């Protein structure tokens, strides 16, 4: 079978590998049908991920069909349509015992620490697989994993309908968070520097949009909130400056949620946090959010087709990466298909 492996930064190989085989009775063999390209996949390719190891088969937004089941598998059967959970936790450490397995002390993530799903077949334990609705297209199914990140972000923010939420960044992550926040009933403002993304945010229910390249963001938030500022600020831009700005636009007793893995320090005074008793929280991966997100898809509360802007056969991964790297091309989610007829 073919697999896409990043052997070192900017070194991407399409490798021939043996077909994986079930080795444990609780495992299933999945024929991969479609996969999304996440920003973390791009960071691994660029060598800017602080946590990835090489060589690595990337890809964690994976949907496929079960081709074979182990003798002890009781949750699935051949032909089931499924998505892959990339989080691997130990179940025994402090974090796991308090219900925070997404930050397990021995955490591994498929496509980051162990091989992911950009391969024609992958073997998974049944506990890391989730059945998906029959009506979903494969390209829609790959959006389930990104929405677990959005759902986790909203969970970490403890969002309620009473909140005024400011989302910094209207890329795929920011727009996914927007959709989940609107389902929660919150008032949502969102910023970006790309007009097309802001127009999309309005279609997805944003109560107001801010062009961060043409407007003073703190002034805009002050005007939109009558001077009270946002009760929740979610930094999906993830730069040194955006984290600093997030602290400026949140109200006293508010929550700042950051998604970024930027290792460069931001200049933030303790006083700005302490005097307003702010909660500054990180959010990573997801914590058992697949069932809730799949339920949203089942109930058709999430429409995602127009978030997908480009489609490639998986062997054209280099072309897909070049498109993602080109700032002149407007893009949303880029999806890889593993069957020629699906492209």
Protein backbone atom coordinates (compact mmCIF):
# COMPACT_ATOMS: atom_id res chain seq x y z
CA UNK A 1 0.00 0.00 0.00
CA UNK A 2 0.99 3.67 -0.30
CA UNK A 3 1.69 5.89 2.69
CA UNK A 4 2.65 9.56 2.96
CA UNK A 5 5.61 10.01 5.29
CA UNK A 6 7.43 13.16 6.40
CA UNK A 7 10.97 11.89 6.96
CA UNK A 8 12.35 15.31 7.98
CA UNK A 9 11.22 18.93 7.64
CA UNK A 10 10.24 19.61 4.01
CA UNK A 11 11.10 16.00 3.12
CA UNK A 12 7.90 14.24 2.07
CA UNK A 13 7.92 10.71 0.65
CA UNK A 14 5.23 8.51 -0.86
CA UNK A 15 6.29 5.11 0.41
CA UNK A 16 5.35 1.55 -0.41
CA UNK A 17 4.55 -0.27 2.82
CA UNK A 18 3.18 -3.71 3.68
CA UNK A 19 -0.54 -3.86 4.33
CA UNK A 20 -0.99 -3.59 8.13
CA UNK A 21 -2.44 -6.62 9.87
CA UNK A 22 -4.57 -7.01 12.98
CA UNK A 23 -2.34 -8.16 15.84
CA UNK A 24 -4.69 -7.79 18.81
CA UNK A 25 -8.21 -9.26 19.03
CA UNK A 26 -9.73 -5.85 19.80
CA UNK A 27 -8.39 -4.17 16.65
CA UNK A 28 -10.00 -3.28 13.33
CA UNK A 29 -8.48 -2.75 9.89
CA UNK A 30 -9.73 0.41 8.21
CA UNK A 31 -9.60 1.21 4.51
CA UNK A 32 -9.04 4.96 4.47
CA UNK A 33 -11.45 6.86 2.23
CA UNK A 34 -10.75 10.51 2.93
CA UNK A 35 -8.55 12.71 5.11
CA UNK A 36 -8.37 16.39 5.94
CA UNK A 37 -5.16 18.41 6.01
CA UNK A 38 -4.83 20.11 9.38
CA UNK A 39 -2.56 23.00 10.28
CA UNK A 40 -0.62 20.63 12.53
CA UNK A 41 0.13 18.41 9.52
CA UNK A 42 1.56 21.45 7.77
CA UNK A 43 3.61 22.38 10.85
CA UNK A 44 5.10 18.88 10.95
CA UNK A 45 5.96 19.16 7.25
CA UNK A 46 7.55 22.56 7.84
CA UNK A 47 9.46 21.39 10.92
CA UNK A 48 7.74 23.92 13.18
CA UNK A 49 5.87 21.49 15.42
CA UNK A 50 7.39 21.49 18.92
CA UNK A 51 6.07 18.00 19.68
CA UNK A 52 6.32 15.91 16.48
CA UNK A 53 8.90 13.19 15.89
CA UNK A 54 10.31 11.97 12.56
CA UNK A 55 9.92 10.04 10.38
CA UNK A 56 6.14 10.27 10.58
CA UNK A 57 3.09 9.28 8.56
CA UNK A 58 0.95 12.36 9.09
CA UNK A 59 -2.81 12.81 9.02
CA UNK A 60 -5.34 12.57 11.85
CA UNK A 61 -8.61 13.78 10.28
CA UNK A 62 -9.42 10.35 8.93
CA UNK A 63 -12.62 8.67 7.67
CA UNK A 64 -12.88 5.18 6.25
CA UNK A 65 -14.56 1.81 6.07
CA UNK A 66 -13.85 -1.20 8.25
CA UNK A 67 -12.30 -3.94 6.12
CA UNK A 68 -11.64 -6.54 8.82
CA UNK A 69 -12.32 -6.98 12.55
CA UNK A 70 -10.43 -8.82 15.28
CA UNK A 71 -11.92 -11.80 17.09
CA UNK A 72 -12.86 -9.79 20.21
CA UNK A 73 -14.35 -6.77 18.40
CA UNK A 74 -17.97 -6.33 19.49
CA UNK A 75 -18.72 -2.74 18.51
CA UNK A 76 -18.16 -2.89 14.76
CA UNK A 77 -18.46 -5.13 11.76
CA UNK A 78 -17.01 -5.21 8.28
CA UNK A 79 -18.40 -2.40 6.13
CA UNK A 80 -19.07 0.05 8.95
CA UNK A 81 -18.24 3.67 8.15
CA UNK A 82 -16.03 5.19 10.83
CA UNK A 83 -13.75 8.03 11.87
CA UNK A 84 -10.47 7.80 13.79
CA UNK A 85 -9.75 9.29 17.21
CA UNK A 86 -6.08 10.33 17.18
CA UNK A 87 -5.70 10.67 20.97
CA UNK A 88 -3.88 7.85 22.79
CA UNK A 89 -3.85 8.07 26.60
CA UNK A 90 -2.61 5.70 29.30
CA UNK A 91 -5.66 5.70 31.59
CA UNK A 92 -3.51 5.46 34.71
CA UNK A 93 -1.80 8.83 35.27
CA UNK A 94 -3.12 11.74 37.35
CA UNK A 95 -4.57 13.52 34.34
CA UNK A 96 -6.41 10.44 33.12
CA UNK A 97 -7.74 9.70 36.62
CA UNK A 98 -9.27 13.18 36.90
CA UNK A 99 -10.88 12.90 33.47
CA UNK A 100 -8.37 14.96 31.48
CA UNK A 101 -7.01 12.20 29.22
CA UNK A 102 -6.33 14.65 26.38
CA UNK A 103 -3.36 15.94 28.40
CA UNK A 104 -2.30 12.50 29.64
CA UNK A 105 1.17 12.35 31.18
CA UNK A 106 2.06 9.73 28.57
CA UNK A 107 0.03 11.28 25.77
CA UNK A 108 0.59 10.17 22.20
CA UNK A 109 -1.19 11.52 19.15
CA UNK A 110 -1.54 9.64 15.91
CA UNK A 111 0.27 11.56 13.14
CA UNK A 112 2.45 13.37 15.70
CA UNK A 113 4.09 10.79 17.98
CA UNK A 114 2.97 7.62 16.18
CA UNK A 115 1.99 7.13 12.55
CA UNK A 116 -1.28 8.65 11.40
CA UNK A 117 -3.77 8.02 8.65
CA UNK A 118 -2.31 9.22 5.35
CA UNK A 119 -2.04 5.59 4.26
CA UNK A 120 -4.40 3.36 2.39
CA UNK A 121 -5.07 1.11 5.39
CA UNK A 122 -4.61 1.57 9.12
CA UNK A 123 -5.14 -0.74 12.12
CA UNK A 124 -6.82 0.76 15.18
CA UNK A 125 -8.16 -0.51 18.52
CA UNK A 126 -11.95 -0.44 18.46
CA UNK A 127 -12.01 2.02 21.37
CA UNK A 128 -10.37 4.62 19.09
CA UNK A 129 -12.98 4.30 16.33
CA UNK A 130 -16.43 5.88 16.04
CA UNK A 131 -19.28 4.95 13.72
CA UNK A 132 -20.64 7.76 11.54
CA UNK A 133 -24.07 8.41 10.01
CA UNK A 134 -24.78 6.77 6.66
CA UNK A 135 -25.93 10.03 5.08
CA UNK A 136 -22.56 11.77 5.51
CA UNK A 137 -20.27 12.18 2.53
CA UNK A 138 -16.71 11.08 3.17
CA UNK A 139 -15.52 14.67 2.88
CA UNK A 140 -18.05 15.73 5.51
CA UNK A 141 -16.92 12.91 7.79
CA UNK A 142 -13.33 14.18 7.89
CA UNK A 143 -14.68 17.37 9.45
CA UNK A 144 -15.83 15.51 12.56
CA UNK A 145 -12.37 15.46 14.15
CA UNK A 146 -11.81 19.23 13.67
CA UNK A 147 -15.17 19.86 15.30
CA UNK A 148 -14.09 17.84 18.34
CA UNK A 149 -11.39 20.50 18.74
CA UNK A 150 -14.02 23.23 18.45
CA UNK A 151 -16.29 21.47 20.93
CA UNK A 152 -13.38 21.06 23.36
CA UNK A 153 -12.57 24.77 23.01
CA UNK A 154 -16.15 25.75 23.85
CA UNK A 155 -16.13 23.30 26.75
CA UNK A 156 -12.93 24.79 28.16
CA UNK A 157 -14.54 28.22 27.85
CA UNK A 158 -17.63 26.99 29.70
CA UNK A 159 -19.75 28.75 27.11
CA UNK A 160 -23.34 29.67 27.86
CA UNK A 161 -25.99 31.57 25.94
CA UNK A 162 -25.23 34.58 28.15
CA UNK A 163 -21.65 34.89 26.88
CA UNK A 164 -20.27 37.43 24.44
CA UNK A 165 -17.53 35.58 22.58
CA UNK A 166 -14.76 37.10 20.49
CA UNK A 167 -13.00 34.62 18.20
CA UNK A 168 -9.67 35.79 16.84
CA UNK A 169 -9.15 34.19 13.43
CA UNK A 170 -11.71 32.96 10.90
CA UNK A 171 -9.73 30.10 9.40
CA UNK A 172 -11.06 26.53 9.56
CA UNK A 173 -10.48 26.35 13.34
CA UNK A 174 -12.08 29.70 14.09
CA UNK A 175 -15.08 29.02 11.87
CA UNK A 176 -15.60 25.60 13.47
CA UNK A 177 -15.53 27.22 16.91
CA UNK A 178 -17.98 29.86 15.69
CA UNK A 179 -20.45 27.19 14.60
CA UNK A 180 -20.25 25.41 17.96
CA UNK A 181 -20.52 28.67 19.91
CA UNK A 182 -23.65 29.65 17.98
CA UNK A 183 -25.19 26.24 18.72
CA UNK A 184 -24.57 27.06 22.40
CA UNK A 185 -26.50 30.29 21.89
CA UNK A 186 -23.67 32.75 22.54
CA UNK A 187 -23.27 36.16 20.91
CA UNK A 188 -20.23 35.88 18.65
CA UNK A 189 -17.84 38.38 17.11
CA UNK A 190 -14.95 37.21 14.94
CA UNK A 191 -11.92 38.85 13.32
CA UNK A 192 -9.61 38.09 10.41
CA UNK A 193 -7.63 39.89 7.73
CA UNK A 194 -9.25 38.04 4.80
CA UNK A 195 -12.56 39.45 3.55
CA UNK A 196 -13.77 36.13 2.17
CA UNK A 197 -13.37 34.47 5.56
CA UNK A 198 -15.29 37.26 7.25
CA UNK A 199 -18.12 36.91 4.74
CA UNK A 200 -18.21 33.20 5.45
CA UNK A 201 -18.34 33.93 9.18
CA UNK A 202 -21.41 36.10 8.63
CA UNK A 203 -23.07 33.24 6.75
CA UNK A 204 -22.30 30.98 9.70
CA UNK A 205 -24.09 33.29 12.12
CA UNK A 206 -21.45 35.71 13.41
CA UNK A 207 -23.16 38.67 15.04
CA UNK A 208 -20.41 41.00 13.80
CA UNK A 209 -17.08 40.71 12.02
CA UNK A 210 -13.91 42.78 12.41
CA UNK A 211 -11.25 43.21 9.75
CA UNK A 212 -8.11 43.13 11.90
CA UNK A 213 -6.02 44.68 9.14
CA UNK A 214 -8.21 47.77 8.78
CA UNK A 215 -9.76 48.22 12.21
CA UNK A 216 -8.47 48.76 15.74
CA UNK A 217 -9.63 45.50 17.31
CA UNK A 218 -9.89 46.63 20.97
CA UNK A 219 -11.80 49.74 19.90
CA UNK A 220 -14.13 47.65 17.75
CA UNK A 221 -14.84 45.21 20.59
CA UNK A 222 -15.47 48.11 22.97
CA UNK A 223 -17.96 49.63 20.55
CA UNK A 224 -19.73 46.32 19.92
CA UNK A 225 -20.10 45.62 23.64
CA UNK A 226 -20.88 49.12 24.88
CA UNK A 227 -17.53 49.20 26.64
CA UNK A 228 -17.94 46.00 28.64
CA UNK A 229 -15.68 43.90 26.35
CA UNK A 230 -16.00 40.17 25.65
CA UNK A 231 -16.64 37.63 28.39
CA UNK A 232 -14.78 34.96 26.40
CA UNK A 233 -11.89 35.51 23.98
CA UNK A 234 -10.66 32.58 21.90
CA UNK A 235 -7.28 33.00 20.23
CA UNK A 236 -7.31 30.94 17.04
CA UNK A 237 -4.62 33.11 15.41
CA UNK A 238 -1.99 31.83 17.83
CA UNK A 239 0.74 34.42 17.46
CA UNK A 240 2.70 36.35 20.09
CA UNK A 241 0.70 39.47 19.30
CA UNK A 242 -2.73 37.82 19.19
CA UNK A 243 -2.27 36.38 22.69
CA UNK A 244 -1.31 39.82 23.98
CA UNK A 245 -4.33 41.39 22.30
CA UNK A 246 -6.65 38.74 23.73
CA UNK A 247 -5.86 40.02 27.22
CA UNK A 248 -6.84 43.54 26.13
CA UNK A 249 -10.31 42.72 24.87
CA UNK A 250 -11.58 40.41 27.61
CA UNK A 251 -13.74 41.76 30.43
CA UNK A 252 -13.05 41.39 34.17
CA UNK A 253 -13.83 37.82 35.32
CA UNK A 254 -13.62 36.75 31.67
CA UNK A 255 -11.96 33.72 30.11
CA UNK A 256 -9.16 33.69 27.54
CA UNK A 257 -8.74 30.43 25.64
CA UNK A 258 -5.63 29.79 23.61
CA UNK A 259 -5.14 27.06 21.00
CA UNK A 260 -1.60 27.91 19.99
CA UNK A 261 1.67 25.99 20.25
CA UNK A 262 3.80 29.08 19.68
CA UNK A 263 6.89 28.72 21.86
CA UNK A 264 7.85 32.41 21.67
CA UNK A 265 6.95 34.41 24.82
CA UNK A 266 4.30 37.12 24.83
CA UNK A 267 4.65 40.30 26.89
CA UNK A 268 1.81 39.99 29.40
CA UNK A 269 1.89 41.65 32.81
CA UNK A 270 0.63 39.69 35.81
CA UNK A 271 -1.40 42.73 36.84
CA UNK A 272 -3.58 42.48 33.74
CA UNK A 273 -4.64 38.98 34.82
CA UNK A 274 -4.74 39.38 38.61
CA UNK A 275 -6.52 42.75 38.82
CA UNK A 276 -9.38 41.48 36.65
CA UNK A 277 -9.27 37.91 38.00
CA UNK A 278 -9.07 36.43 34.52
CA UNK A 279 -9.02 32.76 33.63
CA UNK A 280 -6.38 32.04 30.99
CA UNK A 281 -6.82 28.49 29.74
CA UNK A 282 -5.19 26.32 27.15
CA UNK A 283 -7.15 23.83 25.11
CA UNK A 284 -5.57 20.81 23.45
CA UNK A 285 -7.03 18.12 21.22
CA UNK A 286 -10.36 16.90 22.63
CA UNK A 287 -11.57 15.11 25.71
CA UNK A 288 -14.06 12.43 24.59
CA UNK A 289 -15.95 14.82 22.31
CA UNK A 290 -16.52 12.47 19.35
CA UNK A 291 -19.97 11.23 20.47
CA UNK A 292 -21.30 14.76 21.01
CA UNK A 293 -19.98 16.01 17.66
CA UNK A 294 -21.25 12.98 15.75
CA UNK A 295 -24.66 13.60 17.33
CA UNK A 296 -24.59 17.17 15.95
CA UNK A 297 -23.91 15.75 12.49
CA UNK A 298 -26.68 13.17 12.92
CA UNK A 299 -29.11 15.94 13.86
CA UNK A 300 -27.88 18.00 10.91
CA UNK A 301 -27.00 20.94 13.14
CA UNK A 302 -23.63 21.31 11.42
CA UNK A 303 -23.38 22.11 7.72
CA UNK A 304 -19.77 21.78 6.59
CA UNK A 305 -19.71 21.24 2.83
CA UNK A 306 -18.97 24.86 1.99
CA UNK A 307 -16.03 24.85 4.43
CA UNK A 308 -14.26 22.42 2.05
CA UNK A 309 -12.68 24.38 -0.78
CA UNK A 310 -10.13 22.05 -2.38
CA UNK A 311 -9.95 18.32 -3.08
CA UNK A 312 -6.95 16.22 -4.15
CA UNK A 313 -6.10 12.57 -4.63
CA UNK A 314 -3.83 11.68 -1.71
CA UNK A 315 -0.88 10.92 -4.00
CA UNK A 316 -0.99 14.60 -5.03
CA UNK A 317 -0.11 15.64 -1.49
CA UNK A 318 2.74 17.85 -2.69
CA UNK A 319 0.34 19.87 -4.85
CA UNK A 320 -2.03 20.17 -1.91
CA UNK A 321 0.76 21.44 0.35
CA UNK A 322 1.85 24.01 -2.23
CA UNK A 323 -1.70 25.31 -2.42
CA UNK A 324 -1.90 25.59 1.37
CA UNK A 325 1.44 27.42 1.45
CA UNK A 326 0.37 29.98 -1.19
CA UNK A 327 -1.05 33.04 0.61
CA UNK A 328 -2.51 34.33 -2.65
CA UNK A 329 -4.99 31.44 -2.82
CA UNK A 330 -8.10 31.68 -0.68
CA UNK A 331 -8.77 28.34 0.90
CA UNK A 332 -10.73 26.59 3.61
CA UNK A 333 -10.40 22.91 4.41
CA UNK A 334 -8.33 20.86 1.96
CA UNK A 335 -9.39 17.20 1.70
CA UNK A 336 -7.49 14.21 0.34
CA UNK A 337 -9.36 11.29 -1.26
CA UNK A 338 -7.95 7.78 -1.47
CA UNK A 339 -10.05 6.56 -4.41
CA UNK A 340 -9.61 8.13 -7.84
CA UNK A 341 -13.37 8.20 -8.52
CA UNK A 342 -13.97 10.29 -5.39
CA UNK A 343 -11.79 13.20 -6.51
